[in-house]
PDB file of N, CA and C in Angstrom:
ATOM      1  N   UNK A   1      82.600  98.247 100.758  1.00  0.00           N
ATOM      2  CA  UNK A   1      83.487  98.354 101.032  1.00  0.00           C
ATOM      3  C   UNK A   1      84.037  98.856 102.458  1.00  0.00           C
ATOM      4  N   UNK A   2      85.096  98.397 102.792  1.00  0.00           N
ATOM      5  CA  UNK A   2      85.181  98.892 104.532  1.00  0.00           C
ATOM      6  C   UNK A   2      86.640 100.036 103.906  1.00  0.00           C
ATOM      7  N   UNK A   3      86.543 100.552 105.448  1.00  0.00           N
ATOM      8  CA  UNK A   3      87.812 101.748 105.539  1.00  0.00           C
ATOM      9  C   UNK A   3      88.318 101.105 107.021  1.00  0.00           C
ATOM     10  N   UNK A   4      89.876 100.742 106.660  1.00  0.00           N
ATOM     11  CA  UNK A   4      90.730 100.965 107.850  1.00  0.00           C
ATOM     12  C   UNK A   4      91.931 102.422 108.100  1.00  0.00           C
ATOM     13  N   UNK A   5      91.537 102.963 109.366  1.00  0.00           N
ATOM     14  CA  UNK A   5      92.885 104.190 109.525  1.00  0.00           C
ATOM     15  C   UNK A   5      93.779 103.336 110.891  1.00  0.00           C
ATOM     16  N   UNK A   6      94.745 103.522 110.599  1.00  0.00           N
ATOM     17  CA  UNK A   6      95.793 102.934 111.386  1.00  0.00           C
ATOM     18  C   UNK A   6      96.893 103.730 111.657  1.00  0.00           C
ATOM     19  N   UNK A   7      96.868 103.948 112.935  1.00  0.00           N
ATOM     20  CA  UNK A   7      98.025 104.661 113.173  1.00  0.00           C
ATOM     21  C   UNK A   7      99.329 104.003 114.330  1.00  0.00           C
ATOM     22  N   UNK A   8     100.687 103.980 113.543  1.00  0.00           N
ATOM     23  CA  UNK A   8     101.595 102.851 113.564  1.00  0.00           C
ATOM     24  C   UNK A   8     102.750 103.614 114.688  1.00  0.00           C
ATOM     25  N   UNK A   9     103.156 103.364 116.138  1.00  0.00           N
ATOM     26  CA  UNK A   9     104.249 103.590 116.511  1.00  0.00           C
ATOM     27  C   UNK A   9     105.560 102.960 116.525  1.00  0.00           C
ATOM     28  N   UNK A  10     106.559 103.650 116.563  1.00  0.00           N
ATOM     29  CA  UNK A  10     107.771 102.792 116.530  1.00  0.00           C
ATOM     30  C   UNK A  10     109.137 103.225 115.996  1.00  0.00           C
ATOM     31  N   UNK A  11     109.693 102.517 115.441  1.00  0.00           N
ATOM     32  CA  UNK A  11     110.433 102.694 114.501  1.00  0.00           C
ATOM     33  C   UNK A  11     110.221 102.508 113.301  1.00  0.00           C
ATOM     34  N   UNK A  12     109.504 103.821 112.588  1.00  0.00           N
ATOM     35  CA  UNK A  12     108.598 103.589 111.409  1.00  0.00           C
ATOM     36  C   UNK A  12     108.863 104.746 110.308  1.00  0.00           C
ATOM     37  N   UNK A  13     109.658 105.894 110.673  1.00  0.00           N
ATOM     38  CA  UNK A  13     109.888 107.018 109.921  1.00  0.00           C
ATOM     39  C   UNK A  13     111.675 106.506 109.496  1.00  0.00           C
ATOM     40  N   UNK A  14     111.599 106.993 107.947  1.00  0.00           N
ATOM     41  CA  UNK A  14     113.074 106.541 107.774  1.00  0.00           C
ATOM     42  C   UNK A  14     113.560 105.336 107.397  1.00  0.00           C
ATOM     43  N   UNK A  15     112.832 104.479 107.616  1.00  0.00           N
ATOM     44  CA  UNK A  15     113.258 102.948 107.275  1.00  0.00           C
ATOM     45  C   UNK A  15     112.424 101.780 106.295  1.00  0.00           C
ATOM     46  N   UNK A  16     111.923 102.801 105.738  1.00  0.00           N
ATOM     47  CA  UNK A  16     111.102 102.236 103.878  1.00  0.00           C
ATOM     48  C   UNK A  16     109.394 101.952 104.515  1.00  0.00           C
ATOM     49  N   UNK A  17     109.243 102.268 105.631  1.00  0.00           N
ATOM     50  CA  UNK A  17     107.571 101.669 106.280  1.00  0.00           C
ATOM     51  C   UNK A  17     106.962 102.085 105.350  1.00  0.00           C
ATOM     52  N   UNK A  18     106.773 103.477 104.740  1.00  0.00           N
ATOM     53  CA  UNK A  18     105.853 103.956 104.203  1.00  0.00           C
ATOM     54  C   UNK A  18     105.465 102.787 102.292  1.00  0.00           C
ATOM     55  N   UNK A  19     106.815 102.586 102.076  1.00  0.00           N
ATOM     56  CA  UNK A  19     107.099 102.071 100.753  1.00  0.00           C
ATOM     57  C   UNK A  19     106.246 100.351 100.504  1.00  0.00           C
ATOM     58  N   UNK A  20     106.954  99.576 102.491  1.00  0.00           N
ATOM     59  CA  UNK A  20     106.762  98.870 102.381  1.00  0.00           C
ATOM     60  C   UNK A  20     105.216  98.736 102.686  1.00  0.00           C
ATOM     61  N   UNK A  21     104.189  99.596 103.381  1.00  0.00           N
ATOM     62  CA  UNK A  21     102.605  99.882 102.921  1.00  0.00           C
ATOM     63  C   UNK A  21     101.828  99.419 101.697  1.00  0.00           C
ATOM     64  N   UNK A  22     102.722 100.587 100.585  1.00  0.00           N
ATOM     65  CA  UNK A  22     102.517 100.202  99.605  1.00  0.00           C
ATOM     66  C   UNK A  22     102.425  99.431  98.708  1.00  0.00           C
ATOM     67  N   UNK A  23     104.068  98.361  99.112  1.00  0.00           N
ATOM     68  CA  UNK A  23     103.976  97.233  98.533  1.00  0.00           C
ATOM     69  C   UNK A  23     102.959  96.444  98.546  1.00  0.00           C
ATOM     70  N   UNK A  24     102.794  96.392 100.268  1.00  0.00           N
ATOM     71  CA  UNK A  24     101.414  94.986 100.926  1.00  0.00           C
ATOM     72  C   UNK A  24     100.200  95.456 100.197  1.00  0.00           C
ATOM     73  N   UNK A  25      99.586  96.756 100.105  1.00  0.00           N
ATOM     74  CA  UNK A  25      98.727  96.904  99.604  1.00  0.00           C
ATOM     75  C   UNK A  25      98.580  97.021  97.842  1.00  0.00           C
ATOM     76  N   UNK A  26      99.484  96.834  97.156  1.00  0.00           N
ATOM     77  CA  UNK A  26      99.393  96.279  96.202  1.00  0.00           C
ATOM     78  C   UNK A  26      99.325  94.605  95.884  1.00  0.00           C
ATOM     79  N   UNK A  27      99.915  94.164  96.879  1.00  0.00           N
ATOM     80  CA  UNK A  27      99.618  92.819  96.694  1.00  0.00           C
ATOM     81  C   UNK A  27      98.027  92.322  97.198  1.00  0.00           C
ATOM     82  N   UNK A  28      97.825  92.771  97.854  1.00  0.00           N
ATOM     83  CA  UNK A  28      96.681  92.511  98.840  1.00  0.00           C
ATOM     84  C   UNK A  28      95.102  92.851  98.117  1.00  0.00           C
ATOM     85  N   UNK A  29      95.754  93.915  96.902  1.00  0.00           N
ATOM     86  CA  UNK A  29      94.618  94.296  96.291  1.00  0.00           C
ATOM     87  C   UNK A  29      93.860  95.602  96.532  1.00  0.00           C
ATOM     88  N   UNK A  30      94.359  96.339  97.975  1.00  0.00           N
ATOM     89  CA  UNK A  30      93.452  97.630  98.345  1.00  0.00           C
ATOM     90  C   UNK A  30      94.340  98.784  98.255  1.00  0.00           C
ATOM     91  N   UNK A  31      93.644  99.839  98.074  1.00  0.00           N
ATOM     92  CA  UNK A  31      94.010 101.153  98.191  1.00  0.00           C
ATOM     93  C   UNK A  31      94.260 101.659  99.182  1.00  0.00           C
ATOM     94  N   UNK A  32      95.483 102.046  99.244  1.00  0.00           N
ATOM     95  CA  UNK A  32      96.282 102.790 100.690  1.00  0.00           C
ATOM     96  C   UNK A  32      96.776 103.963 100.385  1.00  0.00           C
ATOM     97  N   UNK A  33      97.257 104.769 101.497  1.00  0.00           N
ATOM     98  CA  UNK A  33      98.200 105.714 101.717  1.00  0.00           C
ATOM     99  C   UNK A  33      98.685 105.742 102.597  1.00  0.00           C
ATOM    100  N   UNK A  34     100.275 106.217 103.126  1.00  0.00           N
ATOM    101  CA  UNK A  34     100.879 105.835 104.306  1.00  0.00           C
ATOM    102  C   UNK A  34     101.416 107.415 104.427  1.00  0.00           C
ATOM    103  N   UNK A  35     100.962 108.054 105.780  1.00  0.00           N
ATOM    104  CA  UNK A  35     102.042 109.469 105.548  1.00  0.00           C
ATOM    105  C   UNK A  35     102.719 109.522 107.079  1.00  0.00           C
ATOM    106  N   UNK A  36     103.761 110.217 107.123  1.00  0.00           N
ATOM    107  CA  UNK A  36     104.361 110.239 108.348  1.00  0.00           C
ATOM    108  C   UNK A  36     103.818 111.237 109.061  1.00  0.00           C
ATOM    109  N   UNK A  37     103.518 111.061 110.137  1.00  0.00           N
ATOM    110  CA  UNK A  37     102.646 112.449 111.322  1.00  0.00           C
ATOM    111  C   UNK A  37     104.092 113.058 112.055  1.00  0.00           C
ATOM    112  N   UNK A  38     104.031 114.235 112.563  1.00  0.00           N
ATOM    113  CA  UNK A  38     104.454 115.066 113.535  1.00  0.00           C
ATOM    114  C   UNK A  38     105.291 114.242 114.738  1.00  0.00           C
ATOM    115  N   UNK A  39     104.185 113.431 114.834  1.00  0.00           N
ATOM    116  CA  UNK A  39     105.071 112.699 116.403  1.00  0.00           C
ATOM    117  C   UNK A  39     105.616 111.631 115.875  1.00  0.00           C
ATOM    118  N   UNK A  40     106.301 111.292 114.781  1.00  0.00           N
ATOM    119  CA  UNK A  40     107.019 110.579 114.687  1.00  0.00           C
ATOM    120  C   UNK A  40     106.296 108.808 114.052  1.00  0.00           C
ATOM    121  N   UNK A  41     105.237 108.774 114.291  1.00  0.00           N
ATOM    122  CA  UNK A  41     103.899 107.228 114.027  1.00  0.00           C
ATOM    123  C   UNK A  41     103.409 107.743 112.363  1.00  0.00           C
ATOM    124  N   UNK A  42     103.173 106.880 111.793  1.00  0.00           N
ATOM    125  CA  UNK A  42     102.825 107.015 110.480  1.00  0.00           C
ATOM    126  C   UNK A  42     101.244 106.472 110.522  1.00  0.00           C
ATOM    127  N   UNK A  43     100.670 107.190 109.297  1.00  0.00           N
ATOM    128  CA  UNK A  43      99.169 107.189 109.901  1.00  0.00           C
ATOM    129  C   UNK A  43      99.001 106.668 107.949  1.00  0.00           C
ATOM    130  N   UNK A  44      98.122 105.166 108.304  1.00  0.00           N
ATOM    131  CA  UNK A  44      97.410 104.554 107.120  1.00  0.00           C
ATOM    132  C   UNK A  44      96.148 104.440 107.306  1.00  0.00           C
ATOM    133  N   UNK A  45      95.585 105.293 105.917  1.00  0.00           N
ATOM    134  CA  UNK A  45      94.429 105.107 105.678  1.00  0.00           C
ATOM    135  C   UNK A  45      94.298 103.857 104.621  1.00  0.00           C
ATOM    136  N   UNK A  46      93.073 102.846 104.413  1.00  0.00           N
ATOM    137  CA  UNK A  46      93.350 101.894 103.596  1.00  0.00           C
ATOM    138  C   UNK A  46      91.868 101.409 103.359  1.00  0.00           C
ATOM    139  N   UNK A  47      91.198 101.315 102.089  1.00  0.00           N
ATOM    140  CA  UNK A  47      89.895 100.428 101.648  1.00  0.00           C
ATOM    141  C   UNK A  47      89.835  99.709 101.126  1.00  0.00           C
ATOM    142  N   UNK A  48      89.582  98.642 101.346  1.00  0.00           N
ATOM    143  CA  UNK A  48      89.118  96.820 100.346  1.00  0.00           C
ATOM    144  C   UNK A  48      88.096  96.099 101.459  1.00  0.00           C
ATOM    145  N   UNK A  49      88.165  95.434 101.290  1.00  0.00           N
ATOM    146  CA  UNK A  49      86.938  94.270 101.865  1.00  0.00           C
ATOM    147  C   UNK A  49      87.790  93.933 103.300  1.00  0.00           C
ATOM    148  N   UNK A  50      86.794  93.066 104.066  1.00  0.00           N
ATOM    149  CA  UNK A  50      87.459  92.844 105.252  1.00  0.00           C
ATOM    150  C   UNK A  50      88.544  92.130 105.401  1.00  0.00           C
ATOM    151  N   UNK A  51      88.521  90.713 104.543  1.00  0.00           N
ATOM    152  CA  UNK A  51      89.716  90.218 105.007  1.00  0.00           C
ATOM    153  C   UNK A  51      90.394  90.658 104.582  1.00  0.00           C
ATOM    154  N   UNK A  52      90.883  91.817 102.890  1.00  0.00           N
ATOM    155  CA  UNK A  52      92.304  92.548 103.060  1.00  0.00           C
ATOM    156  C   UNK A  52      92.366  93.166 103.778  1.00  0.00           C
ATOM    157  N   UNK A  53      91.720  93.737 104.504  1.00  0.00           N
ATOM    158  CA  UNK A  53      92.104  94.698 105.198  1.00  0.00           C
ATOM    159  C   UNK A  53      92.728  94.120 106.811  1.00  0.00           C
ATOM    160  N   UNK A  54      91.802  92.896 107.285  1.00  0.00           N
ATOM    161  CA  UNK A  54      92.720  92.265 108.583  1.00  0.00           C
ATOM    162  C   UNK A  54      93.935  92.018 107.856  1.00  0.00           C
ATOM    163  N   UNK A  55      94.370  91.576 106.843  1.00  0.00           N
ATOM    164  CA  UNK A  55      95.438  91.041 106.328  1.00  0.00           C
ATOM    165  C   UNK A  55      96.491  92.077 106.020  1.00  0.00           C
ATOM    166  N   UNK A  56      96.081  93.216 106.075  1.00  0.00           N
ATOM    167  CA  UNK A  56      97.182  94.187 105.820  1.00  0.00           C
ATOM    168  C   UNK A  56      97.159  94.995 107.564  1.00  0.00           C
ATOM    169  N   UNK A  57      96.432  94.757 108.141  1.00  0.00           N
ATOM    170  CA  UNK A  57      96.587  95.373 109.741  1.00  0.00           C
ATOM    171  C   UNK A  57      97.498  94.500 110.057  1.00  0.00           C
ATOM    172  N   UNK A  58      97.452  92.946 109.594  1.00  0.00           N
ATOM    173  CA  UNK A  58      98.400  91.704 110.607  1.00  0.00           C
ATOM    174  C   UNK A  58      99.537  92.001 109.834  1.00  0.00           C
ATOM    175  N   UNK A  59      99.750  93.082 108.461  1.00  0.00           N
ATOM    176  CA  UNK A  59     101.168  93.006 108.223  1.00  0.00           C
ATOM    177  C   UNK A  59     101.719  94.463 109.235  1.00  0.00           C
ATOM    178  N   UNK A  60     101.193  95.528 109.426  1.00  0.00           N
ATOM    179  CA  UNK A  60     100.868  96.492 109.456  1.00  0.00           C
ATOM    180  C   UNK A  60     102.090  96.425 111.134  1.00  0.00           C
ATOM    181  N   UNK A  61     101.058  95.178 111.692  1.00  0.00           N
ATOM    182  CA  UNK A  61     101.452  94.903 112.906  1.00  0.00           C
ATOM    183  C   UNK A  61     102.942  94.072 112.983  1.00  0.00           C
ATOM    184  N   UNK A  62     103.445  93.732 111.883  1.00  0.00           N
ATOM    185  CA  UNK A  62     104.765  92.698 111.693  1.00  0.00           C
ATOM    186  C   UNK A  62     105.155  93.647 111.424  1.00  0.00           C
ATOM    187  N   UNK A  63     105.369  94.723 110.782  1.00  0.00           N
ATOM    188  CA  UNK A  63     106.189  95.977 110.057  1.00  0.00           C
ATOM    189  C   UNK A  63     107.195  95.457 108.908  1.00  0.00           C
ATOM    190  N   UNK A  64     108.024  96.397 108.767  1.00  0.00           N
ATOM    191  CA  UNK A  64     108.993  95.968 107.452  1.00  0.00           C
ATOM    192  C   UNK A  64     110.378  95.560 107.897  1.00  0.00           C
ATOM    193  N   UNK A  65     111.065  95.396 107.270  1.00  0.00           N
ATOM    194  CA  UNK A  65     112.387  94.863 107.765  1.00  0.00           C
ATOM    195  C   UNK A  65     113.265  95.907 108.440  1.00  0.00           C
ATOM    196  N   UNK A  66     113.188  97.163 108.240  1.00  0.00           N
ATOM    197  CA  UNK A  66     114.327  97.459 109.343  1.00  0.00           C
ATOM    198  C   UNK A  66     113.401  98.321 110.102  1.00  0.00           C
ATOM    199  N   UNK A  67     111.639  98.475 110.021  1.00  0.00           N
ATOM    200  CA  UNK A  67     111.080  99.079 111.501  1.00  0.00           C
ATOM    201  C   UNK A  67     110.717  97.824 112.604  1.00  0.00           C
ATOM    202  N   UNK A  68     110.599  98.845 113.219  1.00  0.00           N
ATOM    203  CA  UNK A  68     110.114  98.101 114.575  1.00  0.00           C
ATOM    204  C   UNK A  68     108.646  98.794 115.177  1.00  0.00           C
ATOM    205  N   UNK A  69     107.745  97.903 114.813  1.00  0.00           N
ATOM    206  CA  UNK A  69     106.621  98.213 115.283  1.00  0.00           C
ATOM    207  C   UNK A  69     106.131  98.328 116.789  1.00  0.00           C
ATOM    208  N   UNK A  70     105.635  99.223 117.432  1.00  0.00           N
ATOM    209  CA  UNK A  70     105.710  99.076 119.423  1.00  0.00           C
ATOM    210  C   UNK A  70     104.064  98.902 119.641  1.00  0.00           C
ATOM    211  N   UNK A  71     103.178  99.499 118.457  1.00  0.00           N
ATOM    212  CA  UNK A  71     101.975  99.962 118.426  1.00  0.00           C
ATOM    213  C   UNK A  71     101.081 100.031 117.370  1.00  0.00           C
ATOM    214  N   UNK A  72      99.752  99.418 117.587  1.00  0.00           N
ATOM    215  CA  UNK A  72      99.155 100.293 116.152  1.00  0.00           C
ATOM    216  C   UNK A  72      97.421 100.312 116.195  1.00  0.00           C
ATOM    217  N   UNK A  73      97.224 101.507 116.708  1.00  0.00           N
ATOM    218  CA  UNK A  73      95.435 102.069 117.131  1.00  0.00           C
ATOM    219  C   UNK A  73      94.848 101.654 115.486  1.00  0.00           C
ATOM    220  N   UNK A  74      93.980 101.545 115.686  1.00  0.00           N
ATOM    221  CA  UNK A  74      93.279 101.018 114.344  1.00  0.00           C
ATOM    222  C   UNK A  74      91.870 101.375 114.743  1.00  0.00           C
ATOM    223  N   UNK A  75      90.858 101.878 113.394  1.00  0.00           N
ATOM    224  CA  UNK A  75      89.691 102.367 113.657  1.00  0.00           C
ATOM    225  C   UNK A  75      89.109 101.151 111.770  1.00  0.00           C
ATOM    226  N   UNK A  76      88.381 100.742 112.262  1.00  0.00           N
ATOM    227  CA  UNK A  76      87.735  99.558 110.613  1.00  0.00           C
ATOM    228  C   UNK A  76      86.406 100.158 110.879  1.00  0.00           C
ATOM    229  N   UNK A  77      85.969 100.754 109.747  1.00  0.00           N
ATOM    230  CA  UNK A  77      84.978 101.035 109.242  1.00  0.00           C
ATOM    231  C   UNK A  77      84.105 100.367 107.964  1.00  0.00           C
ATOM    232  N   UNK A  78      82.763  99.863 108.702  1.00  0.00           N
ATOM    233  CA  UNK A  78      81.998  99.246 107.813  1.00  0.00           C
ATOM    234  C   UNK A  78      80.453 100.224 107.382  1.00  0.00           C
ATOM    235  N   UNK A  79      80.675 101.293 106.442  1.00  0.00           N
ATOM    236  CA  UNK A  79      79.420 102.230 107.154  1.00  0.00           C
ATOM    237  C   UNK A  79      78.720 102.571 108.186  1.00  0.00           C
ATOM    238  N   UNK A  80      77.272 102.113 109.018  1.00  0.00           N
ATOM    239  CA  UNK A  80      76.819 101.948 110.071  1.00  0.00           C
ATOM    240  C   UNK A  80      77.610 101.597 111.172  1.00  0.00           C
ATOM    241  N   UNK A  81      78.276  99.849 110.766  1.00  0.00           N
ATOM    242  CA  UNK A  81      78.593  99.243 112.177  1.00  0.00           C
ATOM    243  C   UNK A  81      80.114 100.087 111.851  1.00  0.00           C
ATOM    244  N   UNK A  82      80.996 100.484 113.032  1.00  0.00           N
ATOM    245  CA  UNK A  82      82.006 100.657 113.484  1.00  0.00           C
ATOM    246  C   UNK A  82      82.753  99.176 114.375  1.00  0.00           C
ATOM    247  N   UNK A  83      83.893  99.345 114.030  1.00  0.00           N
ATOM    248  CA  UNK A  83      84.730  98.251 115.134  1.00  0.00           C
ATOM    249  C   UNK A  83      86.092  99.309 115.152  1.00  0.00           C
ATOM    250  N   UNK A  84      86.244  99.194 116.468  1.00  0.00           N
ATOM    251  CA  UNK A  84      87.463  99.432 116.938  1.00  0.00           C
ATOM    252  C   UNK A  84      88.322  98.740 117.718  1.00  0.00           C
ATOM    253  N   UNK A  85      89.519  99.221 117.787  1.00  0.00           N
ATOM    254  CA  UNK A  85      90.455  98.211 118.695  1.00  0.00           C
ATOM    255  C   UNK A  85      92.037  98.665 118.715  1.00  0.00           C
ATOM    256  N   UNK A  86      92.861  97.916 119.116  1.00  0.00           N
ATOM    257  CA  UNK A  86      94.112  98.473 119.413  1.00  0.00           C
ATOM    258  C   UNK A  86      95.275  97.322 119.181  1.00  0.00           C
TER     259      UNK A  86
END
């Protein structure tokens, strides 16, 4: 099982983004939480297989209907092997 930590910036608070993340996670079959951060971003923590998490990452970049995603910084971990990106 892999772990995804993603920080999403843009217009992502007060627009249903956390609900969007929860719904997407359920549809993809991954465990995920989304938390509003003090700086206006949203942090997503998710666990699943690589394919599921990459699909979730693509959806995070796209955003919800009322959000506007400027940037997604993420860390995808798989045990001892780590891969970073943005």
